[in-house]
Amino acid sequence: MKKFKNPFTVFGLVFVFTYIYLFQILSYFLKIKSLVLVGVLQGLIPLLVIGVIFFLVLKGEGKKLTSLSLRKPSKDDVLWGFIGFFLGLAVNFMVSLITPQFLKPEKDLAILQVLRQMPLGLGIFFIFTSAVSEEVLFRGFAVERLNSWFKNLNLASAVSWLFFSLGHLYPWGLKYTLHLAVFSLTFYFVYLRRRNLYSTIIMHLINNLAAFMATRLLI
Protein backbone atom coordinates (compact mmCIF):
# COMPACT_ATOMS: atom_id res chain seq x y z
CA MET A 1 0.00 0.00 0.00
CA LYS A 2 1.30 3.45 -0.95
CA LYS A 3 2.35 5.48 2.05
CA PHE A 4 0.63 8.87 2.17
CA LYS A 5 2.54 12.02 2.99
CA ASN A 6 1.99 13.46 6.44
CA PRO A 7 -0.74 16.11 5.93
CA PHE A 8 0.92 18.40 8.48
CA THR A 9 4.15 18.27 6.49
CA VAL A 10 2.28 18.97 3.26
CA PHE A 11 0.46 21.91 4.85
CA GLY A 12 3.73 23.17 6.31
CA LEU A 13 5.46 23.20 2.93
CA VAL A 14 2.51 24.93 1.27
CA PHE A 15 2.52 27.45 4.09
CA VAL A 16 6.28 28.06 3.82
CA PHE A 17 6.14 28.61 0.07
CA THR A 18 3.06 30.86 0.04
CA TYR A 19 2.86 32.83 3.31
CA ILE A 20 5.05 35.65 1.98
CA TYR A 21 2.63 36.24 -0.91
CA LEU A 22 -0.35 36.30 1.45
CA PHE A 23 1.42 38.89 3.59
CA GLN A 24 2.26 40.98 0.53
CA ILE A 25 -1.37 40.91 -0.66
CA LEU A 26 -2.55 41.90 2.82
CA SER A 27 -0.03 44.76 2.98
CA TYR A 28 -1.10 46.00 -0.46
CA PHE A 29 -4.77 46.22 0.42
CA LEU A 30 -4.23 47.66 3.90
CA LYS A 31 -1.92 50.36 2.48
CA ILE A 32 -0.20 50.88 5.81
CA LYS A 33 1.69 54.19 5.85
CA SER A 34 2.94 54.35 9.42
CA LEU A 35 6.62 53.34 9.48
CA VAL A 36 6.29 52.29 13.09
CA LEU A 37 3.36 50.00 12.30
CA VAL A 38 5.17 48.62 9.25
CA GLY A 39 8.20 47.84 11.40
CA VAL A 40 6.10 46.19 14.11
CA LEU A 41 4.22 44.02 11.61
CA GLN A 42 7.37 43.05 9.73
CA GLY A 43 8.93 42.05 13.02
CA LEU A 44 5.96 40.22 14.54
CA ILE A 45 4.75 38.29 11.50
CA PRO A 46 7.98 36.25 11.19
CA LEU A 47 7.58 35.30 14.87
CA LEU A 48 4.03 34.16 14.16
CA VAL A 49 5.25 32.16 11.15
CA ILE A 50 7.93 30.46 13.26
CA GLY A 51 5.26 29.62 15.83
CA VAL A 52 3.10 27.98 13.16
CA ILE A 53 5.98 25.81 11.95
CA PHE A 54 7.02 24.83 15.48
CA PHE A 55 3.41 23.83 16.24
CA LEU A 56 3.18 21.73 13.05
CA VAL A 57 6.46 19.99 13.85
CA LEU A 58 5.84 19.35 17.57
CA LYS A 59 2.09 18.65 17.58
CA GLY A 60 1.29 17.76 13.99
CA GLU A 61 4.27 15.68 12.92
CA GLY A 62 5.15 14.61 16.46
CA LYS A 63 8.81 15.40 15.89
CA LYS A 64 11.42 17.32 17.83
CA LEU A 65 12.87 20.67 16.81
CA THR A 66 16.12 18.86 16.08
CA SER A 67 14.34 17.65 12.94
CA LEU A 68 14.72 21.28 11.78
CA SER A 69 18.48 21.00 12.35
CA LEU A 70 18.11 23.10 15.50
CA ARG A 71 20.83 21.40 17.48
CA LYS A 72 23.31 22.80 19.96
CA PRO A 73 25.96 24.46 17.81
CA SER A 74 29.59 23.48 18.03
CA LYS A 75 32.47 25.94 17.71
CA ASP A 76 32.78 24.91 14.07
CA ASP A 77 29.10 25.66 13.47
CA VAL A 78 29.57 29.17 14.87
CA LEU A 79 32.78 29.63 12.90
CA TRP A 80 31.03 28.64 9.68
CA GLY A 81 28.43 31.31 10.36
CA PHE A 82 31.19 33.91 10.09
CA ILE A 83 32.90 32.13 7.20
CA GLY A 84 29.60 32.10 5.36
CA PHE A 85 29.18 35.84 5.87
CA PHE A 86 32.56 36.64 4.34
CA LEU A 87 31.94 34.09 1.59
CA GLY A 88 28.70 35.93 0.83
CA LEU A 89 30.56 39.24 0.67
CA ALA A 90 32.99 37.74 -1.81
CA VAL A 91 30.19 36.35 -3.98
CA ASN A 92 28.37 39.69 -3.77
CA PHE A 93 31.47 41.53 -4.91
CA MET A 94 32.16 39.18 -7.82
CA VAL A 95 28.54 39.29 -8.97
CA SER A 96 28.56 43.10 -8.87
CA LEU A 97 31.67 43.12 -11.10
CA ILE A 98 30.15 40.95 -13.83
CA THR A 99 26.57 42.21 -13.68
CA PRO A 100 25.64 44.48 -16.61
CA GLN A 101 24.51 47.97 -15.60
CA PHE A 102 20.95 47.37 -16.75
CA LEU A 103 20.64 44.41 -14.38
CA LYS A 104 22.12 46.06 -11.29
CA PRO A 105 19.59 46.55 -8.44
CA GLU A 106 18.09 50.02 -8.10
CA LYS A 107 19.13 52.11 -5.09
CA ASP A 108 15.87 54.04 -4.81
CA LEU A 109 13.42 51.18 -4.17
CA ALA A 110 10.49 52.06 -1.93
CA ILE A 111 11.41 49.27 0.49
CA LEU A 112 14.89 50.78 0.90
CA GLN A 113 13.34 54.14 1.73
CA VAL A 114 11.21 52.45 4.38
CA LEU A 115 14.25 50.75 5.93
CA ARG A 116 16.19 54.01 5.99
CA GLN A 117 13.42 55.86 7.78
CA MET A 118 12.36 53.05 10.12
CA PRO A 119 13.24 53.63 13.80
CA LEU A 120 16.56 51.93 14.55
CA GLY A 121 15.18 49.63 17.25
CA LEU A 122 12.34 48.41 15.05
CA GLY A 123 14.72 47.91 12.16
CA ILE A 124 17.01 45.70 14.21
CA PHE A 125 13.98 43.78 15.54
CA PHE A 126 12.79 43.25 11.96
CA ILE A 127 16.13 42.01 10.59
CA PHE A 128 16.50 39.65 13.55
CA THR A 129 13.07 38.02 13.21
CA SER A 130 13.20 37.89 9.40
CA ALA A 131 16.62 36.24 9.41
CA VAL A 132 15.64 33.58 11.95
CA SER A 133 12.28 32.87 10.32
CA GLU A 134 13.73 32.49 6.82
CA GLU A 135 16.31 30.02 8.09
CA VAL A 136 13.75 27.99 10.03
CA LEU A 137 11.33 27.91 7.10
CA PHE A 138 13.49 27.54 4.02
CA ARG A 139 16.54 25.71 5.33
CA GLY A 140 15.37 23.93 8.49
CA PHE A 141 11.86 22.90 7.45
CA ALA A 142 11.69 22.99 3.64
CA VAL A 143 15.06 21.39 2.89
CA GLU A 144 14.72 18.65 5.49
CA ARG A 145 11.11 17.75 4.65
CA LEU A 146 11.67 17.80 0.90
CA ASN A 147 14.78 15.68 1.40
CA SER A 148 12.70 13.11 3.28
CA TRP A 149 10.49 12.89 0.17
CA PHE A 150 13.06 13.13 -2.63
CA LYS A 151 15.90 11.31 -0.85
CA ASN A 152 18.09 13.85 -2.59
CA LEU A 153 19.47 16.72 -0.52
CA ASN A 154 20.64 18.72 -3.54
CA LEU A 155 17.22 18.54 -5.20
CA ALA A 156 15.49 19.48 -1.96
CA SER A 157 17.81 22.46 -1.60
CA ALA A 158 17.21 23.53 -5.20
CA VAL A 159 13.42 23.57 -4.77
CA SER A 160 13.73 25.50 -1.50
CA TRP A 161 16.18 27.94 -3.11
CA LEU A 162 13.79 28.61 -6.00
CA PHE A 163 10.86 29.49 -3.74
CA PHE A 164 13.10 31.47 -1.39
CA SER A 165 14.35 33.59 -4.29
CA LEU A 166 10.91 34.13 -5.85
CA GLY A 167 9.59 35.28 -2.48
CA HIS A 168 11.69 38.43 -2.82
CA LEU A 169 10.23 39.59 -6.15
CA TYR A 170 7.89 41.95 -4.31
CA PRO A 171 8.79 44.49 -3.04
CA TRP A 172 12.44 44.10 -4.08
CA GLY A 173 11.93 43.76 -7.82
CA LEU A 174 13.39 41.47 -10.49
CA LYS A 175 16.92 42.89 -10.54
CA TYR A 176 17.45 42.56 -6.81
CA THR A 177 15.85 39.11 -6.82
CA LEU A 178 18.25 37.87 -9.51
CA HIS A 179 21.15 39.24 -7.50
CA LEU A 180 19.85 37.66 -4.30
CA ALA A 181 19.25 34.31 -6.03
CA VAL A 182 22.98 34.03 -6.72
CA PHE A 183 24.00 35.38 -3.31
CA SER A 184 21.61 33.08 -1.41
CA LEU A 185 23.40 30.04 -2.79
CA THR A 186 26.00 30.73 -0.09
CA PHE A 187 23.34 30.11 2.59
CA TYR A 188 22.57 26.71 1.10
CA PHE A 189 26.26 25.91 0.76
CA VAL A 190 26.87 26.60 4.45
CA TYR A 191 23.73 24.73 5.49
CA LEU A 192 24.64 21.64 3.49
CA ARG A 193 28.16 21.85 4.85
CA ARG A 194 27.07 21.91 8.51
CA ARG A 195 23.43 20.69 8.62
CA ASN A 196 23.05 22.87 11.72
CA LEU A 197 20.64 25.77 11.43
CA TYR A 198 22.58 27.94 13.85
CA SER A 199 25.37 28.29 11.29
CA THR A 200 23.10 29.93 8.72
CA ILE A 201 21.17 31.87 11.37
CA ILE A 202 24.42 33.49 12.52
CA MET A 203 25.42 34.11 8.91
CA HIS A 204 22.02 35.58 8.05
CA LEU A 205 21.92 37.82 11.13
CA ILE A 206 25.35 39.31 10.45
CA ASN A 207 24.50 39.82 6.78
CA ASN A 208 21.15 41.48 7.51
CA LEU A 209 22.63 43.73 10.17
CA ALA A 210 25.48 44.81 7.88
CA ALA A 211 23.09 45.44 4.98
CA PHE A 212 20.65 47.34 7.21
CA MET A 213 23.33 49.64 8.59
CA ALA A 214 24.77 50.20 5.12
CA THR A 215 21.30 51.07 3.81
CA ARG A 216 20.80 53.66 6.56
CA LEU A 217 24.16 55.27 5.78
CA LEU A 218 23.32 55.69 2.09
CA ILE A 219 22.27 59.23 1.21
C-alpha atoms as a PDB file:
ATOM      1  CA  MET A   1       0.000   0.000   0.000  1.00  0.00           C
ATOM      2  CA  LYS A   2       1.299   3.449  -0.945  1.00  0.00           C
ATOM      3  CA  LYS A   3       2.349   5.478   2.047  1.00  0.00           C
ATOM      4  CA  PHE A   4       0.627   8.867   2.167  1.00  0.00           C
ATOM      5  CA  LYS A   5       2.543  12.017   2.991  1.00  0.00           C
ATOM      6  CA  ASN A   6       1.994  13.461   6.445  1.00  0.00           C
ATOM      7  CA  PRO A   7      -0.736  16.114   5.933  1.00  0.00           C
ATOM      8  CA  PHE A   8       0.920  18.403   8.479  1.00  0.00           C
ATOM      9  CA  THR A   9       4.147  18.266   6.486  1.00  0.00           C
ATOM     10  CA  VAL A  10       2.277  18.969   3.262  1.00  0.00           C
ATOM     11  CA  PHE A  11       0.459  21.912   4.851  1.00  0.00           C
ATOM     12  CA  GLY A  12       3.735  23.169   6.310  1.00  0.00           C
ATOM     13  CA  LEU A  13       5.462  23.195   2.926  1.00  0.00           C
ATOM     14  CA  VAL A  14       2.509  24.932   1.266  1.00  0.00           C
ATOM     15  CA  PHE A  15       2.523  27.455   4.094  1.00  0.00           C
ATOM     16  CA  VAL A  16       6.284  28.058   3.823  1.00  0.00           C
ATOM     17  CA  PHE A  17       6.136  28.605   0.068  1.00  0.00           C
ATOM     18  CA  THR A  18       3.060  30.862   0.037  1.00  0.00           C
ATOM     19  CA  TYR A  19       2.858  32.832   3.306  1.00  0.00           C
ATOM     20  CA  ILE A  20       5.052  35.646   1.985  1.00  0.00           C
ATOM     21  CA  TYR A  21       2.631  36.243  -0.910  1.00  0.00           C
ATOM     22  CA  LEU A  22      -0.346  36.296   1.453  1.00  0.00           C
ATOM     23  CA  PHE A  23       1.421  38.894   3.592  1.00  0.00           C
ATOM     24  CA  GLN A  24       2.256  40.984   0.526  1.00  0.00           C
ATOM     25  CA  ILE A  25      -1.366  40.908  -0.656  1.00  0.00           C
ATOM     26  CA  LEU A  26      -2.550  41.901   2.817  1.00  0.00           C
ATOM     27  CA  SER A  27      -0.027  44.760   2.982  1.00  0.00           C
ATOM     28  CA  TYR A  28      -1.102  46.003  -0.458  1.00  0.00           C
ATOM     29  CA  PHE A  29      -4.770  46.220   0.423  1.00  0.00           C
ATOM     30  CA  LEU A  30      -4.231  47.657   3.902  1.00  0.00           C
ATOM     31  CA  LYS A  31      -1.920  50.357   2.478  1.00  0.00           C
ATOM     32  CA  ILE A  32      -0.197  50.879   5.808  1.00  0.00           C
ATOM     33  CA  LYS A  33       1.685  54.187   5.846  1.00  0.00           C
ATOM     34  CA  SER A  34       2.944  54.346   9.415  1.00  0.00           C
ATOM     35  CA  LEU A  35       6.619  53.345   9.478  1.00  0.00           C
ATOM     36  CA  VAL A  36       6.292  52.291  13.095  1.00  0.00           C
ATOM     37  CA  LEU A  37       3.362  50.001  12.303  1.00  0.00           C
ATOM     38  CA  VAL A  38       5.165  48.618   9.255  1.00  0.00           C
ATOM     39  CA  GLY A  39       8.195  47.840  11.405  1.00  0.00           C
ATOM     40  CA  VAL A  40       6.099  46.191  14.114  1.00  0.00           C
ATOM     41  CA  LEU A  41       4.224  44.023  11.613  1.00  0.00           C
ATOM     42  CA  GLN A  42       7.371  43.050   9.730  1.00  0.00           C
ATOM     43  CA  GLY A  43       8.934  42.052  13.019  1.00  0.00           C
ATOM     44  CA  LEU A  44       5.959  40.225  14.536  1.00  0.00           C
ATOM     45  CA  ILE A  45       4.746  38.292  11.496  1.00  0.00           C
ATOM     46  CA  PRO A  46       7.979  36.250  11.187  1.00  0.00           C
ATOM     47  CA  LEU A  47       7.575  35.304  14.872  1.00  0.00           C
ATOM     48  CA  LEU A  48       4.026  34.157  14.157  1.00  0.00           C
ATOM     49  CA  VAL A  49       5.245  32.160  11.154  1.00  0.00           C
ATOM     50  CA  ILE A  50       7.928  30.456  13.258  1.00  0.00           C
ATOM     51  CA  GLY A  51       5.257  29.623  15.835  1.00  0.00           C
ATOM     52  CA  VAL A  52       3.099  27.980  13.163  1.00  0.00           C
ATOM     53  CA  ILE A  53       5.983  25.806  11.947  1.00  0.00           C
ATOM     54  CA  PHE A  54       7.025  24.829  15.479  1.00  0.00           C
ATOM     55  CA  PHE A  55       3.414  23.825  16.245  1.00  0.00           C
ATOM     56  CA  LEU A  56       3.181  21.731  13.054  1.00  0.00           C
ATOM     57  CA  VAL A  57       6.461  19.993  13.853  1.00  0.00           C
ATOM     58  CA  LEU A  58       5.838  19.353  17.566  1.00  0.00           C
ATOM     59  CA  LYS A  59       2.093  18.646  17.577  1.00  0.00           C
ATOM     60  CA  GLY A  60       1.290  17.756  13.989  1.00  0.00           C
ATOM     61  CA  GLU A  61       4.275  15.678  12.917  1.00  0.00           C
ATOM     62  CA  GLY A  62       5.150  14.613  16.462  1.00  0.00           C
ATOM     63  CA  LYS A  63       8.811  15.395  15.892  1.00  0.00           C
ATOM     64  CA  LYS A  64      11.416  17.325  17.829  1.00  0.00           C
ATOM     65  CA  LEU A  65      12.872  20.675  16.807  1.00  0.00           C
ATOM     66  CA  THR A  66      16.121  18.864  16.077  1.00  0.00           C
ATOM     67  CA  SER A  67      14.342  17.654  12.936  1.00  0.00           C
ATOM     68  CA  LEU A  68      14.724  21.275  11.782  1.00  0.00           C
ATOM     69  CA  SER A  69      18.483  21.004  12.354  1.00  0.00           C
ATOM     70  CA  LEU A  70      18.106  23.096  15.501  1.00  0.00           C
ATOM     71  CA  ARG A  71      20.830  21.399  17.476  1.00  0.00           C
ATOM     72  CA  LYS A  72      23.310  22.798  19.955  1.00  0.00           C
ATOM     73  CA  PRO A  73      25.956  24.457  17.809  1.00  0.00           C
ATOM     74  CA  SER A  74      29.594  23.479  18.027  1.00  0.00           C
ATOM     75  CA  LYS A  75      32.468  25.939  17.712  1.00  0.00           C
ATOM     76  CA  ASP A  76      32.782  24.911  14.074  1.00  0.00           C
ATOM     77  CA  ASP A  77      29.098  25.662  13.466  1.00  0.00           C
ATOM     78  CA  VAL A  78      29.565  29.173  14.866  1.00  0.00           C
ATOM     79  CA  LEU A  79      32.777  29.628  12.898  1.00  0.00           C
ATOM     80  CA  TRP A  80      31.028  28.642   9.680  1.00  0.00           C
ATOM     81  CA  GLY A  81      28.432  31.312  10.357  1.00  0.00           C
ATOM     82  CA  PHE A  82      31.192  33.910  10.093  1.00  0.00           C
ATOM     83  CA  ILE A  83      32.905  32.126   7.205  1.00  0.00           C
ATOM     84  CA  GLY A  84      29.595  32.098   5.359  1.00  0.00           C
ATOM     85  CA  PHE A  85      29.181  35.842   5.871  1.00  0.00           C
ATOM     86  CA  PHE A  86      32.556  36.636   4.336  1.00  0.00           C
ATOM     87  CA  LEU A  87      31.937  34.089   1.585  1.00  0.00           C
ATOM     88  CA  GLY A  88      28.698  35.929   0.834  1.00  0.00           C
ATOM     89  CA  LEU A  89      30.556  39.241   0.666  1.00  0.00           C
ATOM     90  CA  ALA A  90      32.994  37.738  -1.811  1.00  0.00           C
ATOM     91  CA  VAL A  91      30.188  36.353  -3.978  1.00  0.00           C
ATOM     92  CA  ASN A  92      28.366  39.691  -3.773  1.00  0.00           C
ATOM     93  CA  PHE A  93      31.473  41.527  -4.912  1.00  0.00           C
ATOM     94  CA  MET A  94      32.165  39.178  -7.820  1.00  0.00           C
ATOM     95  CA  VAL A  95      28.537  39.288  -8.966  1.00  0.00           C
ATOM     96  CA  SER A  96      28.563  43.099  -8.866  1.00  0.00           C
ATOM     97  CA  LEU A  97      31.667  43.120 -11.103  1.00  0.00           C
ATOM     98  CA  ILE A  98      30.152  40.952 -13.829  1.00  0.00           C
ATOM     99  CA  THR A  99      26.571  42.212 -13.678  1.00  0.00           C
ATOM    100  CA  PRO A 100      25.644  44.484 -16.613  1.00  0.00           C
ATOM    101  CA  GLN A 101      24.513  47.967 -15.599  1.00  0.00           C
ATOM    102  CA  PHE A 102      20.945  47.372 -16.747  1.00  0.00           C
ATOM    103  CA  LEU A 103      20.644  44.408 -14.378  1.00  0.00           C
ATOM    104  CA  LYS A 104      22.117  46.060 -11.290  1.00  0.00           C
ATOM    105  CA  PRO A 105      19.594  46.550  -8.436  1.00  0.00           C
ATOM    106  CA  GLU A 106      18.085  50.016  -8.096  1.00  0.00           C
ATOM    107  CA  LYS A 107      19.127  52.111  -5.094  1.00  0.00           C
ATOM    108  CA  ASP A 108      15.866  54.036  -4.811  1.00  0.00           C
ATOM    109  CA  LEU A 109      13.421  51.175  -4.173  1.00  0.00           C
ATOM    110  CA  ALA A 110      10.489  52.057  -1.933  1.00  0.00           C
ATOM    111  CA  ILE A 111      11.410  49.269   0.492  1.00  0.00           C
ATOM    112  CA  LEU A 112      14.887  50.781   0.902  1.00  0.00           C
ATOM    113  CA  GLN A 113      13.340  54.138   1.732  1.00  0.00           C
ATOM    114  CA  VAL A 114      11.211  52.451   4.380  1.00  0.00           C
ATOM    115  CA  LEU A 115      14.248  50.751   5.931  1.00  0.00           C
ATOM    116  CA  ARG A 116      16.194  54.010   5.994  1.00  0.00           C
ATOM    117  CA  GLN A 117      13.415  55.857   7.779  1.00  0.00           C
ATOM    118  CA  MET A 118      12.355  53.054  10.122  1.00  0.00           C
ATOM    119  CA  PRO A 119      13.241  53.625  13.804  1.00  0.00           C
ATOM    120  CA  LEU A 120      16.563  51.933  14.546  1.00  0.00           C
ATOM    121  CA  GLY A 121      15.180  49.630  17.252  1.00  0.00           C
ATOM    122  CA  LEU A 122      12.343  48.413  15.052  1.00  0.00           C
ATOM    123  CA  GLY A 123      14.717  47.915  12.158  1.00  0.00           C
ATOM    124  CA  ILE A 124      17.007  45.702  14.210  1.00  0.00           C
ATOM    125  CA  PHE A 125      13.976  43.783  15.536  1.00  0.00           C
ATOM    126  CA  PHE A 126      12.792  43.247  11.959  1.00  0.00           C
ATOM    127  CA  ILE A 127      16.131  42.010  10.591  1.00  0.00           C
ATOM    128  CA  PHE A 128      16.504  39.647  13.552  1.00  0.00           C
ATOM    129  CA  THR A 129      13.071  38.025  13.210  1.00  0.00           C
ATOM    130  CA  SER A 130      13.201  37.895   9.403  1.00  0.00           C
ATOM    131  CA  ALA A 131      16.624  36.236   9.406  1.00  0.00           C
ATOM    132  CA  VAL A 132      15.643  33.585  11.950  1.00  0.00           C
ATOM    133  CA  SER A 133      12.276  32.874  10.320  1.00  0.00           C
ATOM    134  CA  GLU A 134      13.734  32.486   6.821  1.00  0.00           C
ATOM    135  CA  GLU A 135      16.311  30.019   8.094  1.00  0.00           C
ATOM    136  CA  VAL A 136      13.745  27.986  10.030  1.00  0.00           C
ATOM    137  CA  LEU A 137      11.328  27.908   7.101  1.00  0.00           C
ATOM    138  CA  PHE A 138      13.489  27.541   4.023  1.00  0.00           C
ATOM    139  CA  ARG A 139      16.535  25.706   5.331  1.00  0.00           C
ATOM    140  CA  GLY A 140      15.369  23.929   8.490  1.00  0.00           C
ATOM    141  CA  PHE A 141      11.858  22.901   7.447  1.00  0.00           C
ATOM    142  CA  ALA A 142      11.693  22.993   3.636  1.00  0.00           C
ATOM    143  CA  VAL A 143      15.061  21.386   2.886  1.00  0.00           C
ATOM    144  CA  GLU A 144      14.722  18.646   5.485  1.00  0.00           C
ATOM    145  CA  ARG A 145      11.111  17.755   4.647  1.00  0.00           C
ATOM    146  CA  LEU A 146      11.673  17.795   0.897  1.00  0.00           C
ATOM    147  CA  ASN A 147      14.778  15.682   1.401  1.00  0.00           C
ATOM    148  CA  SER A 148      12.696  13.110   3.279  1.00  0.00           C
ATOM    149  CA  TRP A 149      10.487  12.885   0.167  1.00  0.00           C
ATOM    150  CA  PHE A 150      13.060  13.131  -2.627  1.00  0.00           C
ATOM    151  CA  LYS A 151      15.903  11.307  -0.848  1.00  0.00           C
ATOM    152  CA  ASN A 152      18.090  13.848  -2.589  1.00  0.00           C
ATOM    153  CA  LEU A 153      19.471  16.716  -0.518  1.00  0.00           C
ATOM    154  CA  ASN A 154      20.643  18.722  -3.536  1.00  0.00           C
ATOM    155  CA  LEU A 155      17.220  18.536  -5.197  1.00  0.00           C
ATOM    156  CA  ALA A 156      15.493  19.475  -1.957  1.00  0.00           C
ATOM    157  CA  SER A 157      17.814  22.464  -1.596  1.00  0.00           C
ATOM    158  CA  ALA A 158      17.206  23.525  -5.205  1.00  0.00           C
ATOM    159  CA  VAL A 159      13.424  23.567  -4.766  1.00  0.00           C
ATOM    160  CA  SER A 160      13.728  25.497  -1.498  1.00  0.00           C
ATOM    161  CA  TRP A 161      16.180  27.943  -3.107  1.00  0.00           C
ATOM    162  CA  LEU A 162      13.792  28.608  -6.000  1.00  0.00           C
ATOM    163  CA  PHE A 163      10.863  29.493  -3.735  1.00  0.00           C
ATOM    164  CA  PHE A 164      13.105  31.469  -1.389  1.00  0.00           C
ATOM    165  CA  SER A 165      14.346  33.587  -4.290  1.00  0.00           C
ATOM    166  CA  LEU A 166      10.914  34.125  -5.845  1.00  0.00           C
ATOM    167  CA  GLY A 167       9.591  35.276  -2.478  1.00  0.00           C
ATOM    168  CA  HIS A 168      11.691  38.434  -2.821  1.00  0.00           C
ATOM    169  CA  LEU A 169      10.230  39.587  -6.146  1.00  0.00           C
ATOM    170  CA  TYR A 170       7.887  41.945  -4.310  1.00  0.00           C
ATOM    171  CA  PRO A 171       8.787  44.491  -3.039  1.00  0.00           C
ATOM    172  CA  TRP A 172      12.444  44.101  -4.079  1.00  0.00           C
ATOM    173  CA  GLY A 173      11.933  43.759  -7.822  1.00  0.00           C
ATOM    174  CA  LEU A 174      13.388  41.470 -10.487  1.00  0.00           C
ATOM    175  CA  LYS A 175      16.925  42.886 -10.540  1.00  0.00           C
ATOM    176  CA  TYR A 176      17.453  42.560  -6.813  1.00  0.00           C
ATOM    177  CA  THR A 177      15.854  39.106  -6.820  1.00  0.00           C
ATOM    178  CA  LEU A 178      18.248  37.867  -9.510  1.00  0.00           C
ATOM    179  CA  HIS A 179      21.153  39.238  -7.496  1.00  0.00           C
ATOM    180  CA  LEU A 180      19.855  37.655  -4.297  1.00  0.00           C
ATOM    181  CA  ALA A 181      19.253  34.309  -6.028  1.00  0.00           C
ATOM    182  CA  VAL A 182      22.979  34.030  -6.720  1.00  0.00           C
ATOM    183  CA  PHE A 183      23.998  35.380  -3.315  1.00  0.00           C
ATOM    184  CA  SER A 184      21.607  33.076  -1.410  1.00  0.00           C
ATOM    185  CA  LEU A 185      23.403  30.037  -2.794  1.00  0.00           C
ATOM    186  CA  THR A 186      26.000  30.730  -0.085  1.00  0.00           C
ATOM    187  CA  PHE A 187      23.342  30.108   2.590  1.00  0.00           C
ATOM    188  CA  TYR A 188      22.566  26.706   1.104  1.00  0.00           C
ATOM    189  CA  PHE A 189      26.258  25.908   0.761  1.00  0.00           C
ATOM    190  CA  VAL A 190      26.868  26.601   4.453  1.00  0.00           C
ATOM    191  CA  TYR A 191      23.731  24.734   5.495  1.00  0.00           C
ATOM    192  CA  LEU A 192      24.637  21.642   3.493  1.00  0.00           C
ATOM    193  CA  ARG A 193      28.164  21.851   4.849  1.00  0.00           C
ATOM    194  CA  ARG A 194      27.071  21.907   8.507  1.00  0.00           C
ATOM    195  CA  ARG A 195      23.433  20.688   8.618  1.00  0.00           C
ATOM    196  CA  ASN A 196      23.047  22.867  11.718  1.00  0.00           C
ATOM    197  CA  LEU A 197      20.637  25.767  11.431  1.00  0.00           C
ATOM    198  CA  TYR A 198      22.584  27.942  13.849  1.00  0.00           C
ATOM    199  CA  SER A 199      25.374  28.293  11.288  1.00  0.00           C
ATOM    200  CA  THR A 200      23.104  29.932   8.718  1.00  0.00           C
ATOM    201  CA  ILE A 201      21.166  31.869  11.367  1.00  0.00           C
ATOM    202  CA  ILE A 202      24.419  33.491  12.517  1.00  0.00           C
ATOM    203  CA  MET A 203      25.421  34.110   8.909  1.00  0.00           C
ATOM    204  CA  HIS A 204      22.017  35.575   8.054  1.00  0.00           C
ATOM    205  CA  LEU A 205      21.920  37.821  11.131  1.00  0.00           C
ATOM    206  CA  ILE A 206      25.353  39.309  10.448  1.00  0.00           C
ATOM    207  CA  ASN A 207      24.503  39.819   6.781  1.00  0.00           C
ATOM    208  CA  ASN A 208      21.149  41.476   7.510  1.00  0.00           C
ATOM    209  CA  LEU A 209      22.628  43.733  10.166  1.00  0.00           C
ATOM    210  CA  ALA A 210      25.483  44.813   7.883  1.00  0.00           C
ATOM    211  CA  ALA A 211      23.091  45.440   4.980  1.00  0.00           C
ATOM    212  CA  PHE A 212      20.647  47.337   7.212  1.00  0.00           C
ATOM    213  CA  MET A 213      23.327  49.638   8.594  1.00  0.00           C
ATOM    214  CA  ALA A 214      24.772  50.198   5.121  1.00  0.00           C
ATOM    215  CA  THR A 215      21.305  51.069   3.815  1.00  0.00           C
ATOM    216  CA  ARG A 216      20.798  53.663   6.560  1.00  0.00           C
ATOM    217  CA  LEU A 217      24.158  55.268   5.777  1.00  0.00           C
ATOM    218  CA  LEU A 218      23.317  55.692   2.094  1.00  0.00           C
ATOM    219  CA  ILE A 219      22.271  59.225   1.208  1.00  0.00           C
END
